[in-house]
C-alpha atoms as a PDB file:
ATOM      1  CA  MET A   1      11.682  -2.212   4.294  1.00  0.00           C
ATOM      2  CA  LYS A   2      14.978  -0.047   4.640  1.00  0.00           C
ATOM      3  CA  ALA A   3      16.583  -1.727   7.990  1.00  0.00           C
ATOM      4  CA  PHE A   4      16.958  -5.475   6.201  1.00  0.00           C
ATOM      5  CA  VAL A   5      19.736  -5.844   3.840  1.00  0.00           C
ATOM      6  CA  LEU A   6      19.139  -7.451   0.552  1.00  0.00           C
ATOM      7  CA  PRO A   7      21.607 -10.635  -0.135  1.00  0.00           C
ATOM      8  CA  VAL A   8      23.865 -10.662  -2.918  1.00  0.00           C
ATOM      9  CA  GLY A   9      22.385 -12.829  -5.733  1.00  0.00           C
ATOM     10  CA  HIS A  10      18.465 -11.474  -5.944  1.00  0.00           C
ATOM     11  CA  SER A  11      17.211  -9.771  -9.443  1.00  0.00           C
ATOM     12  CA  ASN A  12      18.180  -6.172 -10.238  1.00  0.00           C
ATOM     13  CA  PRO A  13      15.392  -4.043  -8.379  1.00  0.00           C
ATOM     14  CA  ASN A  14      15.763  -0.973 -10.992  1.00  0.00           C
ATOM     15  CA  MET A  15      14.534  -3.639 -13.259  1.00  0.00           C
ATOM     16  CA  ILE A  16      11.853  -4.608 -11.465  1.00  0.00           C
ATOM     17  CA  SER A  17      11.334  -1.280 -10.737  1.00  0.00           C
ATOM     18  CA  ARG A  18      11.092  -0.931 -14.126  1.00  0.00           C
ATOM     19  CA  LEU A  19       8.605  -3.314 -15.222  1.00  0.00           C
ATOM     20  CA  LEU A  20       5.885  -4.206 -12.149  1.00  0.00           C
ATOM     21  CA  LEU A  21       3.858  -1.040 -11.446  1.00  0.00           C
ATOM     22  CA  PRO A  22       6.232   0.530  -9.368  1.00  0.00           C
ATOM     23  CA  ALA A  23       3.165   2.952  -7.775  1.00  0.00           C
ATOM     24  CA  LEU A  24       1.999  -0.374  -6.510  1.00  0.00           C
ATOM     25  CA  LEU A  25       4.520  -2.128  -4.883  1.00  0.00           C
ATOM     26  CA  GLY A  26       7.532  -1.316  -3.720  1.00  0.00           C
ATOM     27  CA  VAL A  27      10.820  -2.854  -4.513  1.00  0.00           C
ATOM     28  CA  THR A  28      11.507  -3.415  -0.727  1.00  0.00           C
ATOM     29  CA  MET A  29       7.868  -5.595  -0.366  1.00  0.00           C
ATOM     30  CA  LEU A  30       9.168  -7.581  -3.293  1.00  0.00           C
ATOM     31  CA  PHE A  31      12.207  -8.439  -2.042  1.00  0.00           C
ATOM     32  CA  SER A  32      11.157  -9.626   1.187  1.00  0.00           C
ATOM     33  CA  GLY A  33       8.588 -11.696  -0.385  1.00  0.00           C
ATOM     34  CA  CYS A  34       5.561  -9.664   1.114  1.00  0.00           C
ATOM     35  CA  LEU A  35       2.696 -12.251   1.384  1.00  0.00           C
ATOM     36  CA  GLU A  36      -0.409  -9.145   2.296  1.00  0.00           C
ATOM     37  CA  GLU A  37      -1.246  -5.929   3.254  1.00  0.00           C
ATOM     38  CA  LYS A  38      -4.240  -4.921   4.495  1.00  0.00           C
ATOM     39  CA  ASP A  39      -4.369   0.058   4.582  1.00  0.00           C
ATOM     40  CA  SER A  40      -8.050   0.297   5.900  1.00  0.00           C
ATOM     41  CA  ILE A  41      -9.367   3.308   6.795  1.00  0.00           C
ATOM     42  CA  THR A  42     -12.994   4.654   7.475  1.00  0.00           C
ATOM     43  CA  VAL A  43     -13.952   8.482   7.014  1.00  0.00           C
ATOM     44  CA  TYR A  44     -16.132  10.454   9.201  1.00  0.00           C
ATOM     45  CA  ALA A  45     -18.603  13.489   8.253  1.00  0.00           C
ATOM     46  CA  ASP A  46     -16.020  16.063   9.229  1.00  0.00           C
ATOM     47  CA  GLY A  47     -13.047  14.488   7.382  1.00  0.00           C
ATOM     48  CA  SER A  48     -11.750  12.645  10.414  1.00  0.00           C
ATOM     49  CA  GLY A  49     -11.104   8.666  10.584  1.00  0.00           C
ATOM     50  CA  VAL A  50      -8.630   6.131  11.456  1.00  0.00           C
ATOM     51  CA  LEU A  51      -6.036   4.075   9.359  1.00  0.00           C
ATOM     52  CA  ARG A  52      -5.926   0.784  10.358  1.00  0.00           C
ATOM     53  CA  ILE A  53      -2.499  -1.182   8.930  1.00  0.00           C
ATOM     54  CA  HIS A  54      -0.985  -4.589   8.459  1.00  0.00           C
ATOM     55  CA  LYS A  55       1.552  -5.792   7.174  1.00  0.00           C
ATOM     56  CA  LYS A  56       2.203  -9.690   7.027  1.00  0.00           C
ATOM     57  CA  PHE A  57       5.639 -10.878   4.988  1.00  0.00           C
ATOM     58  CA  GLY A  58       7.166 -13.806   3.530  1.00  0.00           C
ATOM     59  CA  GLU A  59       9.424 -16.365   5.089  1.00  0.00           C
ATOM     60  CA  ALA A  60      12.442 -14.531   2.943  1.00  0.00           C
ATOM     61  CA  LEU A  61      12.589 -12.001   5.033  1.00  0.00           C
ATOM     62  CA  SER A  62      12.266 -13.406   8.426  1.00  0.00           C
ATOM     63  CA  GLN A  63      15.363 -15.914   6.834  1.00  0.00           C
ATOM     64  CA  MET A  64      17.505 -12.154   6.645  1.00  0.00           C
ATOM     65  CA  VAL A  65      16.886 -10.897  10.044  1.00  0.00           C
ATOM     66  CA  SER A  66      17.226 -13.624  12.227  1.00  0.00           C
ATOM     67  CA  SER A  67      19.961 -15.522  10.959  1.00  0.00           C
ATOM     68  CA  ASN A  68      22.992 -15.142  13.754  1.00  0.00           C
ATOM     69  CA  ALA A  69      20.989 -12.582  15.588  1.00  0.00           C
ATOM     70  CA  THR A  70      19.726 -12.795  19.318  1.00  0.00           C
ATOM     71  CA  PRO A  71      16.259 -12.407  20.064  1.00  0.00           C
ATOM     72  CA  ASP A  72      16.868  -8.618  20.878  1.00  0.00           C
ATOM     73  CA  LYS A  73      18.542  -8.318  18.389  1.00  0.00           C
ATOM     74  CA  ILE A  74      16.118  -8.901  15.956  1.00  0.00           C
ATOM     75  CA  GLN A  75      13.082  -7.312  17.532  1.00  0.00           C
ATOM     76  CA  ALA A  76      14.955  -3.944  17.739  1.00  0.00           C
ATOM     77  CA  ALA A  77      15.810  -4.629  13.897  1.00  0.00           C
ATOM     78  CA  ILE A  78      11.903  -4.631  12.930  1.00  0.00           C
ATOM     79  CA  ASP A  79      10.826  -2.547  15.346  1.00  0.00           C
ATOM     80  CA  LYS A  80      12.860   0.097  13.690  1.00  0.00           C
ATOM     81  CA  SER A  81      11.717  -1.335  10.369  1.00  0.00           C
ATOM     82  CA  LEU A  82       7.933  -0.535  11.443  1.00  0.00           C
ATOM     83  CA  TYR A  83       8.646   3.113  12.790  1.00  0.00           C
ATOM     84  CA  GLN A  84      10.638   3.886   9.242  1.00  0.00           C
ATOM     85  CA  ASP A  85       7.498   2.785   7.371  1.00  0.00           C
ATOM     86  CA  LEU A  86       5.647   4.817   9.655  1.00  0.00           C
ATOM     87  CA  ALA A  87       7.285   7.930   8.822  1.00  0.00           C
ATOM     88  CA  LEU A  88       5.852   7.516   5.437  1.00  0.00           C
ATOM     89  CA  TRP A  89       2.792   9.145   6.385  1.00  0.00           C
ATOM     90  CA  SER A  90       2.130  12.811   7.042  1.00  0.00           C
ATOM     91  CA  GLY A  91      -1.222  14.128   8.657  1.00  0.00           C
ATOM     92  CA  VAL A  92      -1.358  12.016  11.416  1.00  0.00           C
ATOM     93  CA  SER A  93      -2.430  13.229  14.875  1.00  0.00           C
ATOM     94  CA  ALA A  94      -1.674  10.175  17.143  1.00  0.00           C
ATOM     95  CA  TRP A  95      -0.285   6.468  16.578  1.00  0.00           C
ATOM     96  CA  THR A  96      -1.114   4.021  18.791  1.00  0.00           C
ATOM     97  CA  GLY A  97      -1.176  -0.078  18.852  1.00  0.00           C
ATOM     98  CA  CYS A  98       2.305   0.163  16.665  1.00  0.00           C
ATOM     99  CA  ARG A  99       3.355  -3.700  16.621  1.00  0.00           C
ATOM    100  CA  ALA A 100       5.902  -5.500  15.203  1.00  0.00           C
ATOM    101  CA  SER A 101       6.256  -9.368  15.444  1.00  0.00           C
ATOM    102  CA  LEU A 102       7.876 -12.549  14.686  1.00  0.00           C
ATOM    103  CA  ASP A 103       5.269 -14.579  14.538  1.00  0.00           C
ATOM    104  CA  GLY A 104       7.368 -18.363  14.108  1.00  0.00           C
ATOM    105  CA  LYS A 105       8.822 -17.740  10.485  1.00  0.00           C
ATOM    106  CA  LEU A 106       6.406 -14.784   9.465  1.00  0.00           C
ATOM    107  CA  VAL A 107       7.629 -11.167  10.232  1.00  0.00           C
ATOM    108  CA  SER A 108       4.050  -8.565  10.896  1.00  0.00           C
ATOM    109  CA  PHE A 109       3.495  -5.314  11.476  1.00  0.00           C
ATOM    110  CA  ASP A 110       0.345  -3.386  13.487  1.00  0.00           C
ATOM    111  CA  ALA A 111       0.114  -0.018  13.547  1.00  0.00           C
ATOM    112  CA  VAL A 112      -3.257   2.235  13.847  1.00  0.00           C
ATOM    113  CA  ALA A 113      -3.293   6.175  12.853  1.00  0.00           C
ATOM    114  CA  PHE A 114      -5.570   8.346  13.946  1.00  0.00           C
ATOM    115  CA  PHE A 115      -6.212  11.807  11.916  1.00  0.00           C
ATOM    116  CA  ALA A 116      -8.071  15.281  11.524  1.00  0.00           C
ATOM    117  CA  ASP A 117      -8.775  15.429   8.489  1.00  0.00           C
ATOM    118  CA  VAL A 118      -8.174  13.032   5.300  1.00  0.00           C
ATOM    119  CA  SER A 119      -7.773  15.853   2.418  1.00  0.00           C
ATOM    120  CA  GLY A 120      -4.250  16.134   4.947  1.00  0.00           C
ATOM    121  CA  LEU A 121      -3.454  12.466   5.182  1.00  0.00           C
ATOM    122  CA  LYS A 122      -0.602  11.402   2.432  1.00  0.00           C
ATOM    123  CA  ARG A 123       2.527   8.567   2.370  1.00  0.00           C
ATOM    124  CA  THR A 124       5.634   9.645   0.846  1.00  0.00           C
ATOM    125  CA  GLU A 125       8.175   6.994  -0.461  1.00  0.00           C
ATOM    126  CA  GLY A 126      10.591   8.838  -2.918  1.00  0.00           C
ATOM    127  CA  ALA A 127       8.575   9.863  -5.845  1.00  0.00           C
ATOM    128  CA  LYS A 128       5.985   7.860  -5.147  1.00  0.00           C
ATOM    129  CA  THR A 129       2.922   9.131  -2.955  1.00  0.00           C
ATOM    130  CA  GLN A 130      -0.145   8.196  -1.767  1.00  0.00           C
ATOM    131  CA  THR A 131      -3.259  11.269  -1.545  1.00  0.00           C
ATOM    132  CA  PHE A 132      -6.395  11.269  -0.614  1.00  0.00           C
ATOM    133  CA  SER A 133      -9.219  13.806  -1.465  1.00  0.00           C
ATOM    134  CA  TRP A 134     -13.045  14.537   0.687  1.00  0.00           C
ATOM    135  CA  ASN A 135     -16.016  16.190  -0.861  1.00  0.00           C
ATOM    136  CA  LYS A 136     -19.059  16.603   0.281  1.00  0.00           C
ATOM    137  CA  ASN A 137     -21.932  16.383  -2.378  1.00  0.00           C
ATOM    138  CA  SER A 138     -25.438  17.671  -2.714  1.00  0.00           C
ATOM    139  CA  ASP A 139     -27.447  15.160  -1.929  1.00  0.00           C
ATOM    140  CA  GLY A 140     -25.630  15.030   1.249  1.00  0.00           C
ATOM    141  CA  GLY A 141     -23.149  12.140   0.962  1.00  0.00           C
ATOM    142  CA  PHE A 142     -19.587  12.049   0.410  1.00  0.00           C
ATOM    143  CA  THR A 143     -16.920  11.205  -2.176  1.00  0.00           C
ATOM    144  CA  LEU A 144     -13.299  10.222  -1.306  1.00  0.00           C
ATOM    145  CA  VAL A 145     -10.673   9.423  -3.462  1.00  0.00           C
ATOM    146  CA  TRP A 146      -7.292   7.467  -3.066  1.00  0.00           C
ATOM    147  CA  ASN A 147      -4.930   8.252  -5.604  1.00  0.00           C
ATOM    148  CA  ASN A 148      -1.497   5.921  -5.954  1.00  0.00           C
ATOM    149  CA  VAL A 149       0.957   8.623  -8.285  1.00  0.00           C
ATOM    150  CA  ASP A 150       4.429   8.237  -9.646  1.00  0.00           C
ATOM    151  CA  PRO A 151       5.504  10.357 -11.781  1.00  0.00           C
ATOM    152  CA  SER A 152       8.797   8.446 -12.361  1.00  0.00           C
ATOM    153  CA  ASN A 153       6.706   6.037 -14.104  1.00  0.00           C
ATOM    154  CA  GLN A 154       7.781   5.501 -18.083  1.00  0.00           C
ATOM    155  CA  ASN A 155       6.236   3.445 -20.446  1.00  0.00           C
ATOM    156  CA  PRO A 156       6.789  -0.071 -20.144  1.00  0.00           C
ATOM    157  CA  LEU A 157       6.362  -1.205 -23.828  1.00  0.00           C
ATOM    158  CA  ASP A 158       9.589   1.416 -24.387  1.00  0.00           C
ATOM    159  CA  GLN A 159      11.491  -0.910 -21.626  1.00  0.00           C
ATOM    160  CA  PRO A 160      12.775  -4.041 -22.896  1.00  0.00           C
ATOM    161  CA  ALA A 161      11.787  -7.359 -21.971  1.00  0.00           C
ATOM    162  CA  ALA A 162      12.797  -9.273 -18.674  1.00  0.00           C
ATOM    163  CA  PRO A 163      14.556 -12.594 -19.448  1.00  0.00           C
ATOM    164  CA  PRO A 164      11.829 -14.980 -19.068  1.00  0.00           C
ATOM    165  CA  ALA A 165      13.564 -17.091 -16.470  1.00  0.00           C
ATOM    166  CA  GLN A 166      14.277 -13.636 -14.729  1.00  0.00           C
ATOM    167  CA  ALA A 167      10.324 -13.371 -14.798  1.00  0.00           C
ATOM    168  CA  GLN A 168       9.913 -16.222 -13.564  1.00  0.00           C
ATOM    169  CA  GLN A 169      12.248 -15.133 -10.719  1.00  0.00           C
ATOM    170  CA  MET A 170      10.764 -12.553  -9.926  1.00  0.00           C
ATOM    171  CA  LEU A 171       7.031 -14.113 -10.044  1.00  0.00           C
ATOM    172  CA  ALA A 172       7.973 -16.997  -7.578  1.00  0.00           C
ATOM    173  CA  MET A 173       9.328 -14.141  -4.959  1.00  0.00           C
ATOM    174  CA  MET A 174       5.690 -12.159  -5.306  1.00  0.00           C
ATOM    175  CA  LYS A 175       3.919 -15.933  -4.853  1.00  0.00           C
ATOM    176  CA  GLY A 176       1.524 -15.069  -2.393  1.00  0.00           C
ATOM    177  CA  LEU A 177       1.536 -11.239  -2.836  1.00  0.00           C
ATOM    178  CA  LYS A 178      -2.126  -9.699  -1.821  1.00  0.00           C
ATOM    179  CA  VAL A 179      -2.233  -5.869  -1.594  1.00  0.00           C
ATOM    180  CA  ASP A 180      -5.940  -4.472  -0.149  1.00  0.00           C
ATOM    181  CA  HIS A 181      -6.837  -0.565   0.023  1.00  0.00           C
ATOM    182  CA  GLU A 182     -10.138  -0.814   1.869  1.00  0.00           C
ATOM    183  CA  LEU A 183     -12.426   2.454   2.536  1.00  0.00           C
ATOM    184  CA  VAL A 184     -15.013   2.934   5.009  1.00  0.00           C
ATOM    185  CA  LEU A 185     -17.428   5.592   4.479  1.00  0.00           C
ATOM    186  CA  PRO A 186     -20.597   7.229   6.627  1.00  0.00           C
ATOM    187  CA  GLY A 187     -22.697   6.338   4.798  1.00  0.00           C
ATOM    188  CA  ALA A 188     -23.734   3.349   2.516  1.00  0.00           C
ATOM    189  CA  VAL A 189     -21.780   3.137  -0.911  1.00  0.00           C
ATOM    190  CA  SER A 190     -23.545   4.028  -3.669  1.00  0.00           C
ATOM    191  CA  THR A 191     -20.305   3.956  -7.015  1.00  0.00           C
ATOM    192  CA  ALA A 192     -17.128   2.231  -6.228  1.00  0.00           C
ATOM    193  CA  VAL A 193     -14.544   3.584  -9.180  1.00  0.00           C
ATOM    194  CA  GLY A 194     -11.652   0.712  -9.131  1.00  0.00           C
ATOM    195  CA  ALA A 195     -12.962  -1.677  -6.403  1.00  0.00           C
ATOM    196  CA  VAL A 196     -13.327  -5.226  -6.711  1.00  0.00           C
ATOM    197  CA  ALA A 197     -16.235  -5.121  -4.025  1.00  0.00           C
ATOM    198  CA  HIS A 198     -18.513  -2.879  -2.404  1.00  0.00           C
ATOM    199  CA  ASN A 199     -21.072  -3.488   0.547  1.00  0.00           C
ATOM    200  CA  GLY A 200     -22.473  -1.144   2.996  1.00  0.00           C
ATOM    201  CA  ARG A 201     -20.325   1.268   3.756  1.00  0.00           C
ATOM    202  CA  THR A 202     -17.485  -0.294   2.549  1.00  0.00           C
ATOM    203  CA  ALA A 203     -14.984  -0.449  -0.218  1.00  0.00           C
ATOM    204  CA  THR A 204     -12.227  -2.502  -1.635  1.00  0.00           C
ATOM    205  CA  ALA A 205      -9.346  -2.616  -4.298  1.00  0.00           C
ATOM    206  CA  GLU A 206      -6.779  -5.420  -4.945  1.00  0.00           C
ATOM    207  CA  LEU A 207      -3.692  -6.859  -5.995  1.00  0.00           C
ATOM    208  CA  SER A 208      -2.937  -9.812  -6.134  1.00  0.00           C
ATOM    209  CA  ASP A 209       0.327 -12.038  -7.166  1.00  0.00           C
ATOM    210  CA  LYS A 210      -2.432 -13.186 -10.411  1.00  0.00           C
ATOM    211  CA  ASN A 211      -2.747  -9.702 -11.156  1.00  0.00           C
ATOM    212  CA  VAL A 212       1.432  -9.117 -11.513  1.00  0.00           C
ATOM    213  CA  ALA A 213       1.355 -12.609 -13.100  1.00  0.00           C
ATOM    214  CA  ASP A 214      -1.465 -11.490 -15.928  1.00  0.00           C
ATOM    215  CA  TYR A 215       0.584  -8.061 -16.532  1.00  0.00           C
ATOM    216  CA  PHE A 216       3.449  -9.937 -17.493  1.00  0.00           C
ATOM    217  CA  ALA A 217       1.774 -11.746 -19.518  1.00  0.00           C
ATOM    218  CA  LEU A 218       0.114  -8.794 -21.294  1.00  0.00           C
ATOM    219  CA  LEU A 219       3.118  -6.600 -21.792  1.00  0.00           C
ATOM    220  CA  ASP A 220       4.158  -9.883 -23.918  1.00  0.00           C
ATOM    221  CA  ASN A 221       1.021  -9.906 -25.999  1.00  0.00           C
ATOM    222  CA  TYR A 222       1.291  -6.525 -26.803  1.00  0.00           C
ATOM    223  CA  ARG A 223       4.816  -6.703 -27.551  1.00  0.00           C
ATOM    224  CA  SER A 224       4.267  -9.192 -29.853  1.00  0.00           C
ATOM    225  CA  ARG A 225       1.951  -7.471 -31.403  1.00  0.00           C
ATOM    226  CA  VAL A 226       3.647  -4.650 -32.390  1.00  0.00           C
ATOM    227  CA  ASP A 227       6.658  -6.240 -33.315  1.00  0.00           C
ATOM    228  CA  LYS A 228       4.452  -8.416 -35.981  1.00  0.00           C
ATOM    229  CA  GLY A 229       2.575  -5.004 -36.808  1.00  0.00           C
ATOM    230  CA  GLU A 230      -0.901  -5.732 -35.666  1.00  0.00           C
ATOM    231  CA  ILE A 231      -0.863  -2.412 -33.442  1.00  0.00           C
ATOM    232  CA  ALA A 232       0.803   0.693 -33.976  1.00  0.00           C
ATOM    233  CA  LYS A 233       3.392   1.080 -30.724  1.00  0.00           C
ATOM    234  CA  ALA A 234       1.102   4.320 -29.946  1.00  0.00           C
ATOM    235  CA  GLN A 235      -2.591   2.193 -29.388  1.00  0.00           C
ATOM    236  CA  ALA A 236      -0.797  -0.215 -27.471  1.00  0.00           C
ATOM    237  CA  SER A 237       0.588   1.866 -25.043  1.00  0.00           C
ATOM    238  CA  SER A 238      -2.086   3.760 -24.910  1.00  0.00           C
ATOM    239  CA  GLU A 239      -4.497   0.429 -23.692  1.00  0.00           C
ATOM    240  CA  VAL A 240      -1.461  -0.949 -21.390  1.00  0.00           C
ATOM    241  CA  ALA A 241      -1.832   2.470 -19.504  1.00  0.00           C
ATOM    242  CA  THR A 242      -5.257   1.852 -18.851  1.00  0.00           C
ATOM    243  CA  LYS A 243      -5.416  -1.578 -18.318  1.00  0.00           C
ATOM    244  CA  MET A 244      -2.487  -1.075 -15.623  1.00  0.00           C
ATOM    245  CA  LYS A 245      -4.716   1.963 -14.474  1.00  0.00           C
ATOM    246  CA  ALA A 246      -7.350  -0.803 -13.426  1.00  0.00           C
ATOM    247  CA  MET A 247      -4.638  -2.759 -10.799  1.00  0.00           C
ATOM    248  CA  SER A 248      -3.433   1.024  -9.527  1.00  0.00           C
ATOM    249  CA  LEU A 249      -5.053   0.488  -6.272  1.00  0.00           C
ATOM    250  CA  ASP A 250      -6.532   3.736  -6.866  1.00  0.00           C
ATOM    251  CA  LEU A 251     -10.245   4.078  -5.392  1.00  0.00           C
ATOM    252  CA  GLN A 252     -12.716   6.961  -5.847  1.00  0.00           C
ATOM    253  CA  VAL A 253     -16.032   6.108  -3.994  1.00  0.00           C
ATOM    254  CA  THR A 254     -19.456   7.829  -3.322  1.00  0.00           C
ATOM    255  CA  CYS A 255     -21.571   7.405  -0.845  1.00  0.00           C
ATOM    256  CA  GLY A 256     -25.039   8.511   0.391  1.00  0.00           C
ATOM    257  CA  PRO A 257     -25.815  10.210   3.896  1.00  0.00           C
ATOM    258  CA  GLY A 258     -25.726   8.480   6.540  1.00  0.00           C
ATOM    259  CA  ASP A 259     -26.052   8.062  10.492  1.00  0.00           C
ATOM    260  CA  VAL A 260     -23.264   6.819  12.152  1.00  0.00           C
ATOM    261  CA  GLY A 261     -23.818   9.222  15.447  1.00  0.00           C
ATOM    262  CA  ASN A 262     -23.055   6.258  18.322  1.00  0.00           C
ATOM    263  CA  GLU A 263     -19.805   4.517  16.258  1.00  0.00           C
ATOM    264  CA  PHE A 264     -18.267   8.446  15.713  1.00  0.00           C
ATOM    265  CA  SER A 265     -18.587   9.129  19.601  1.00  0.00           C
ATOM    266  CA  GLU A 266     -16.865   6.233  20.121  1.00  0.00           C
ATOM    267  CA  PHE A 267     -14.768   6.940  17.877  1.00  0.00           C
ATOM    268  CA  ARG A 268     -14.109  10.544  19.345  1.00  0.00           C
ATOM    269  CA  LYS A 269     -13.083   8.700  22.775  1.00  0.00           C
ATOM    270  CA  ALA A 270     -10.932   6.730  21.135  1.00  0.00           C
ATOM    271  CA  PHE A 271      -8.785   9.899  18.980  1.00  0.00           C
ATOM    272  CA  GLU A 272      -8.139  11.103  22.661  1.00  0.00           C
ATOM    273  CA  ALA A 273      -7.135   7.428  23.840  1.00  0.00           C
ATOM    274  CA  ALA A 274      -4.562   7.414  20.943  1.00  0.00           C
ATOM    275  CA  LYS A 275      -3.341  11.005  21.156  1.00  0.00           C
ATOM    276  CA  ALA A 276      -2.912  10.766  25.402  1.00  0.00           C
ATOM    277  CA  ASP A 277      -0.914   7.120  24.398  1.00  0.00           C
ATOM    278  CA  TYR A 278       1.135   8.744  21.712  1.00  0.00           C
ATOM    279  CA  SER A 279       2.703  11.219  23.614  1.00  0.00           C
ATOM    280  CA  ALA A 280       2.898   8.736  26.900  1.00  0.00           C
ATOM    281  CA  THR A 281       4.728   5.924  24.943  1.00  0.00           C
ATOM    282  CA  GLY A 282       7.327   8.083  22.968  1.00  0.00           C
ATOM    283  CA  THR A 283       5.558   7.408  19.391  1.00  0.00           C
ATOM    284  CA  ALA A 284       6.382  10.103  18.227  1.00  0.00           C
ATOM    285  CA  GLN A 285      10.290   9.966  19.372  1.00  0.00           C
ATOM    286  CA  LYS A 286      10.605   6.462  17.389  1.00  0.00           C
ATOM    287  CA  ILE A 287       9.346   6.910  14.720  1.00  0.00           C
ATOM    288  CA  ARG A 288      12.168  10.251  14.750  1.00  0.00           C
ATOM    289  CA  ASP A 289      14.579   7.924  15.644  1.00  0.00           C
ATOM    290  CA  ALA A 290      14.740   5.608  13.272  1.00  0.00           C
ATOM    291  CA  THR A 291      14.432   7.552  10.355  1.00  0.00           C
ATOM    292  CA  LYS A 292      18.099   9.208  11.899  1.00  0.00           C
ATOM    293  CA  GLY A 293      19.651   6.217   9.634  1.00  0.00           C
END
């Protein structure tokens, strides 16, 4: 949310980014009190598909953007921030349904992206990336991988523990956090590594405020055990990395063959309409303009 300036008095973002799964949670999401995010990707047999984005932010963000501002200025600010967010994605053929709104006390973003090849879809925010791979299997089914990568990640046990008051403040800021990554494949899902649930053609990974609280407790436990000599630091670090991986929102989902011919035909029509809308509404230009500062 680059368009919004954080008020003085918030916790050090570098401390948060070191401690709180930086590949998963943008610092700005934490500061804005993000309540929920859902990214849903539907992929068809040829690798084309649609990405649906929904984000709803907490009251802290609304207070920042609505204080002493006219409705027009508020709308312009959240519109720009939405388009800056969309600019982080590459491999998109057309964006449509782009909407930033202030509903009561909450700011929300909604947008739909159509893409020709999910393997070319990518989201880049600083060093953090979300990438995808798509492969056809010998049984006629498919495997889709959604990876969240941050090469700047450091071993959390090498970082100093946050003072208890600061840790509690950060957890309070994230109250209500819920992030879902959903994949919809062309056939029934047979395996879904990283998913909390799968049903039919759909598999979902989830990260919540409880997961983050558990993460704090996990680090405190391992630091205590290392200090007491109950476990070697190398082993503790390895176990923490494994448990962090389970919270990473990474997904590897395999499906069997499927028949979604009618749905695919409707998707192709919607794809063509989206490309026409993308041109007519000037959305591409709005995204370019938003990245100019």
